[in-house]
Amino acid sequence: MIISEAQRFDMQVGLRSHLGDDVANILMEHLPPSGWSDVARKQDFEPISYRISNIEKELTRINGTLKVIIGGVLTVSAAIIVLLIQLNQNISSL
């Protein structure tokens, strides 16, 4: 059941008359603003947590793959540079 702001106000006025301002205000602060259906529970986060965990595993795998690819590219680049230097030296010696 969702209550309106007017109903919340009426409830707070009634609580103040029976319990006093401080207690009524404390009780009202602990109520959700638009009903309990809008409050997330721990179970609501379990599927999200599971998906985040899977994403973290996938990112770790991708990170490892990228490290291998980058290492390979750097190795091939270094080999090409060495070959170009040797080719340049061979051409110079002609």
N, C-alpha and C. Protein backbone atom coordinates (compact mmCIF):
# COMPACT_ATOMS: atom_id res chain seq x y z
N MET A 1 0.84 -1.17 0.00
CA MET A 1 0.00 0.00 0.00
C MET A 1 0.88 1.23 0.00
N ILE A 2 0.69 2.10 -0.96
CA ILE A 2 1.45 3.34 -1.06
C ILE A 2 0.60 4.46 -0.48
N ILE A 3 1.22 5.23 0.41
CA ILE A 3 0.49 6.32 1.03
C ILE A 3 0.93 7.64 0.41
N SER A 4 0.03 8.60 0.42
CA SER A 4 0.34 9.91 -0.15
C SER A 4 1.10 10.75 0.87
N GLU A 5 1.65 11.85 0.39
CA GLU A 5 2.35 12.77 1.29
C GLU A 5 1.39 13.35 2.33
N ALA A 6 0.15 13.58 1.94
CA ALA A 6 -0.84 14.09 2.90
C ALA A 6 -1.09 13.06 4.00
N GLN A 7 -1.16 11.80 3.63
CA GLN A 7 -1.36 10.74 4.63
C GLN A 7 -0.13 10.63 5.54
N ARG A 8 1.05 10.77 4.96
CA ARG A 8 2.28 10.74 5.78
C ARG A 8 2.26 11.89 6.79
N PHE A 9 1.84 13.06 6.32
CA PHE A 9 1.79 14.22 7.21
C PHE A 9 0.79 13.99 8.34
N ASP A 10 -0.41 13.47 7.99
CA ASP A 10 -1.43 13.17 9.01
C ASP A 10 -0.89 12.17 10.03
N MET A 11 -0.15 11.18 9.54
CA MET A 11 0.41 10.18 10.44
C MET A 11 1.43 10.83 11.37
N GLN A 12 2.25 11.72 10.83
CA GLN A 12 3.25 12.38 11.67
C GLN A 12 2.58 13.27 12.73
N VAL A 13 1.52 13.96 12.36
CA VAL A 13 0.78 14.79 13.32
C VAL A 13 0.22 13.91 14.44
N GLY A 14 -0.38 12.78 14.06
CA GLY A 14 -0.93 11.86 15.06
C GLY A 14 0.15 11.30 15.97
N LEU A 15 1.29 10.93 15.38
CA LEU A 15 2.40 10.41 16.19
C LEU A 15 2.92 11.48 17.15
N ARG A 16 2.99 12.71 16.69
CA ARG A 16 3.47 13.78 17.55
C ARG A 16 2.54 13.99 18.75
N SER A 17 1.25 13.88 18.50
CA SER A 17 0.31 14.09 19.60
C SER A 17 0.37 12.95 20.62
N HIS A 18 0.71 11.75 20.18
CA HIS A 18 0.75 10.60 21.10
C HIS A 18 2.14 10.32 21.67
N LEU A 19 3.17 10.59 20.87
CA LEU A 19 4.52 10.20 21.29
C LEU A 19 5.47 11.36 21.52
N GLY A 20 5.10 12.53 21.08
CA GLY A 20 5.98 13.69 21.21
C GLY A 20 6.73 13.92 19.90
N ASP A 21 7.22 15.15 19.74
CA ASP A 21 7.87 15.55 18.49
C ASP A 21 9.11 14.72 18.17
N ASP A 22 10.00 14.52 19.14
CA ASP A 22 11.26 13.82 18.88
C ASP A 22 11.03 12.40 18.41
N VAL A 23 10.21 11.64 19.14
CA VAL A 23 9.96 10.24 18.79
C VAL A 23 9.22 10.16 17.45
N ALA A 24 8.25 11.03 17.22
CA ALA A 24 7.51 11.03 15.96
C ALA A 24 8.44 11.30 14.78
N ASN A 25 9.33 12.27 14.94
CA ASN A 25 10.27 12.59 13.87
C ASN A 25 11.23 11.43 13.60
N ILE A 26 11.70 10.79 14.65
CA ILE A 26 12.59 9.64 14.48
C ILE A 26 11.87 8.51 13.75
N LEU A 27 10.63 8.22 14.13
CA LEU A 27 9.87 7.17 13.45
C LEU A 27 9.65 7.51 11.98
N MET A 28 9.31 8.73 11.69
CA MET A 28 9.04 9.13 10.31
C MET A 28 10.31 9.07 9.45
N GLU A 29 11.46 9.38 10.05
CA GLU A 29 12.72 9.32 9.31
C GLU A 29 13.09 7.88 8.94
N HIS A 30 12.59 6.90 9.68
CA HIS A 30 12.90 5.50 9.39
C HIS A 30 11.95 4.87 8.39
N LEU A 31 10.90 5.58 8.01
CA LEU A 31 9.98 5.05 7.01
C LEU A 31 10.48 5.42 5.62
N PRO A 32 10.36 4.50 4.66
CA PRO A 32 10.77 4.86 3.30
C PRO A 32 9.83 5.92 2.73
N PRO A 33 10.32 6.77 1.86
CA PRO A 33 9.51 7.88 1.37
C PRO A 33 8.32 7.48 0.50
N SER A 34 8.40 6.32 -0.19
CA SER A 34 7.29 6.00 -1.09
C SER A 34 6.81 4.56 -0.97
N GLY A 35 7.08 3.92 0.10
CA GLY A 35 6.59 2.56 0.29
C GLY A 35 7.72 1.54 0.28
N TRP A 36 7.49 0.43 0.92
CA TRP A 36 8.50 -0.61 1.05
C TRP A 36 8.82 -1.29 -0.28
N SER A 37 7.94 -1.20 -1.25
CA SER A 37 8.20 -1.85 -2.53
C SER A 37 9.37 -1.20 -3.26
N ASP A 38 9.70 0.04 -2.90
CA ASP A 38 10.80 0.74 -3.55
C ASP A 38 12.14 0.52 -2.84
N VAL A 39 12.13 -0.19 -1.74
CA VAL A 39 13.35 -0.41 -0.98
C VAL A 39 14.03 -1.68 -1.50
N ALA A 40 15.31 -1.58 -1.85
CA ALA A 40 16.05 -2.73 -2.34
C ALA A 40 16.45 -3.63 -1.16
N ARG A 41 16.35 -4.93 -1.40
CA ARG A 41 16.75 -5.90 -0.39
C ARG A 41 18.06 -6.55 -0.82
N LYS A 42 18.69 -7.26 0.10
CA LYS A 42 19.94 -7.93 -0.19
C LYS A 42 19.78 -8.90 -1.37
N GLN A 43 18.67 -9.60 -1.43
CA GLN A 43 18.43 -10.55 -2.51
C GLN A 43 18.36 -9.86 -3.87
N ASP A 44 17.96 -8.60 -3.88
CA ASP A 44 17.87 -7.86 -5.13
C ASP A 44 19.26 -7.63 -5.75
N PHE A 45 20.28 -7.61 -4.90
CA PHE A 45 21.62 -7.34 -5.39
C PHE A 45 22.39 -8.59 -5.78
N GLU A 46 21.91 -9.78 -5.40
CA GLU A 46 22.63 -11.01 -5.71
C GLU A 46 22.83 -11.22 -7.21
N PRO A 47 21.79 -11.05 -8.06
CA PRO A 47 22.03 -11.22 -9.49
C PRO A 47 23.03 -10.20 -10.04
N ILE A 48 22.97 -8.99 -9.52
CA ILE A 48 23.90 -7.94 -9.97
C ILE A 48 25.32 -8.31 -9.56
N SER A 49 25.47 -8.78 -8.33
CA SER A 49 26.78 -9.19 -7.84
C SER A 49 27.35 -10.33 -8.68
N TYR A 50 26.48 -11.28 -9.04
CA TYR A 50 26.90 -12.41 -9.87
C TYR A 50 27.38 -11.92 -11.24
N ARG A 51 26.63 -11.00 -11.83
CA ARG A 51 27.01 -10.46 -13.14
C ARG A 51 28.31 -9.67 -13.07
N ILE A 52 28.48 -8.88 -12.01
CA ILE A 52 29.72 -8.12 -11.84
C ILE A 52 30.90 -9.07 -11.69
N SER A 53 30.71 -10.15 -10.95
CA SER A 53 31.76 -11.14 -10.78
C SER A 53 32.16 -11.75 -12.12
N ASN A 54 31.16 -12.07 -12.95
CA ASN A 54 31.45 -12.62 -14.28
C ASN A 54 32.17 -11.60 -15.16
N ILE A 55 31.77 -10.36 -15.06
CA ILE A 55 32.43 -9.30 -15.84
C ILE A 55 33.89 -9.16 -15.40
N GLU A 56 34.13 -9.21 -14.08
CA GLU A 56 35.50 -9.12 -13.57
C GLU A 56 36.36 -10.27 -14.11
N LYS A 57 35.81 -11.48 -14.13
CA LYS A 57 36.55 -12.64 -14.65
C LYS A 57 36.86 -12.45 -16.13
N GLU A 58 35.88 -11.97 -16.88
CA GLU A 58 36.07 -11.76 -18.32
C GLU A 58 37.11 -10.67 -18.57
N LEU A 59 37.07 -9.59 -17.79
CA LEU A 59 38.06 -8.52 -17.95
C LEU A 59 39.47 -9.01 -17.61
N THR A 60 39.58 -9.87 -16.61
CA THR A 60 40.88 -10.44 -16.26
C THR A 60 41.41 -11.28 -17.42
N ARG A 61 40.52 -12.08 -18.04
CA ARG A 61 40.92 -12.91 -19.17
C ARG A 61 41.35 -12.03 -20.35
N ILE A 62 40.57 -10.99 -20.63
CA ILE A 62 40.89 -10.08 -21.73
C ILE A 62 42.22 -9.37 -21.46
N ASN A 63 42.45 -8.98 -20.22
CA ASN A 63 43.69 -8.32 -19.84
C ASN A 63 44.89 -9.23 -20.12
N GLY A 64 44.76 -10.50 -19.76
CA GLY A 64 45.84 -11.46 -20.03
C GLY A 64 46.08 -11.61 -21.52
N THR A 65 45.00 -11.70 -22.30
CA THR A 65 45.12 -11.83 -23.75
C THR A 65 45.79 -10.60 -24.35
N LEU A 66 45.40 -9.42 -23.89
CA LEU A 66 46.01 -8.18 -24.39
C LEU A 66 47.50 -8.12 -24.07
N LYS A 67 47.89 -8.59 -22.90
CA LYS A 67 49.31 -8.59 -22.53
C LYS A 67 50.09 -9.48 -23.49
N VAL A 68 49.54 -10.65 -23.84
CA VAL A 68 50.20 -11.55 -24.77
C VAL A 68 50.30 -10.91 -26.15
N ILE A 69 49.21 -10.30 -26.61
CA ILE A 69 49.20 -9.65 -27.93
C ILE A 69 50.20 -8.50 -27.97
N ILE A 70 50.20 -7.67 -26.96
CA ILE A 70 51.12 -6.52 -26.93
C ILE A 70 52.56 -7.01 -26.88
N GLY A 71 52.81 -8.05 -26.07
CA GLY A 71 54.16 -8.62 -26.03
C GLY A 71 54.59 -9.14 -27.39
N GLY A 72 53.68 -9.80 -28.10
CA GLY A 72 54.00 -10.29 -29.43
C GLY A 72 54.28 -9.17 -30.41
N VAL A 73 53.46 -8.12 -30.36
CA VAL A 73 53.66 -6.98 -31.26
C VAL A 73 55.00 -6.31 -30.99
N LEU A 74 55.34 -6.15 -29.71
CA LEU A 74 56.63 -5.54 -29.37
C LEU A 74 57.79 -6.41 -29.84
N THR A 75 57.67 -7.71 -29.71
CA THR A 75 58.73 -8.63 -30.15
C THR A 75 58.91 -8.55 -31.66
N VAL A 76 57.79 -8.60 -32.39
CA VAL A 76 57.86 -8.52 -33.86
C VAL A 76 58.42 -7.16 -34.28
N SER A 77 58.01 -6.10 -33.61
CA SER A 77 58.52 -4.76 -33.94
C SER A 77 60.02 -4.68 -33.73
N ALA A 78 60.49 -5.23 -32.62
CA ALA A 78 61.93 -5.23 -32.34
C ALA A 78 62.67 -6.03 -33.40
N ALA A 79 62.12 -7.18 -33.80
CA ALA A 79 62.77 -8.00 -34.83
C ALA A 79 62.83 -7.26 -36.16
N ILE A 80 61.77 -6.55 -36.52
CA ILE A 80 61.75 -5.78 -37.76
C ILE A 80 62.80 -4.67 -37.72
N ILE A 81 62.92 -4.01 -36.58
CA ILE A 81 63.93 -2.95 -36.44
C ILE A 81 65.33 -3.52 -36.61
N VAL A 82 65.58 -4.67 -35.98
CA VAL A 82 66.90 -5.30 -36.10
C VAL A 82 67.16 -5.67 -37.56
N LEU A 83 66.18 -6.23 -38.24
CA LEU A 83 66.35 -6.59 -39.65
C LEU A 83 66.59 -5.37 -40.51
N LEU A 84 65.89 -4.28 -40.24
CA LEU A 84 66.10 -3.05 -41.01
C LEU A 84 67.50 -2.49 -40.79
N ILE A 85 67.97 -2.55 -39.57
CA ILE A 85 69.33 -2.08 -39.28
C ILE A 85 70.35 -2.94 -40.02
N GLN A 86 70.16 -4.26 -39.99
CA GLN A 86 71.08 -5.14 -40.69
C GLN A 86 71.02 -4.90 -42.20
N LEU A 87 69.81 -4.72 -42.73
CA LEU A 87 69.66 -4.45 -44.15
C LEU A 87 70.35 -3.15 -44.53
N ASN A 88 70.19 -2.13 -43.70
CA ASN A 88 70.84 -0.84 -43.93
C ASN A 88 72.35 -1.00 -43.92
N GLN A 89 72.89 -1.79 -42.98
CA GLN A 89 74.34 -2.01 -42.90
C GLN A 89 74.82 -2.78 -44.13
N ASN A 90 74.03 -3.77 -44.59
CA ASN A 90 74.44 -4.55 -45.76
C ASN A 90 74.43 -3.67 -47.01
N ILE A 91 73.45 -2.78 -47.13
CA ILE A 91 73.37 -1.90 -48.28
C ILE A 91 74.54 -0.90 -48.25
N SER A 92 74.89 -0.44 -47.04
CA SER A 92 76.00 0.51 -46.90
C SER A 92 77.33 -0.11 -47.29
N SER A 93 77.46 -1.40 -47.00
CA SER A 93 78.74 -2.05 -47.27
C SER A 93 78.91 -2.38 -48.74
N LEU A 94 77.86 -2.25 -49.53
CA LEU A 94 78.00 -2.50 -50.97
C LEU A 94 78.70 -1.37 -51.56
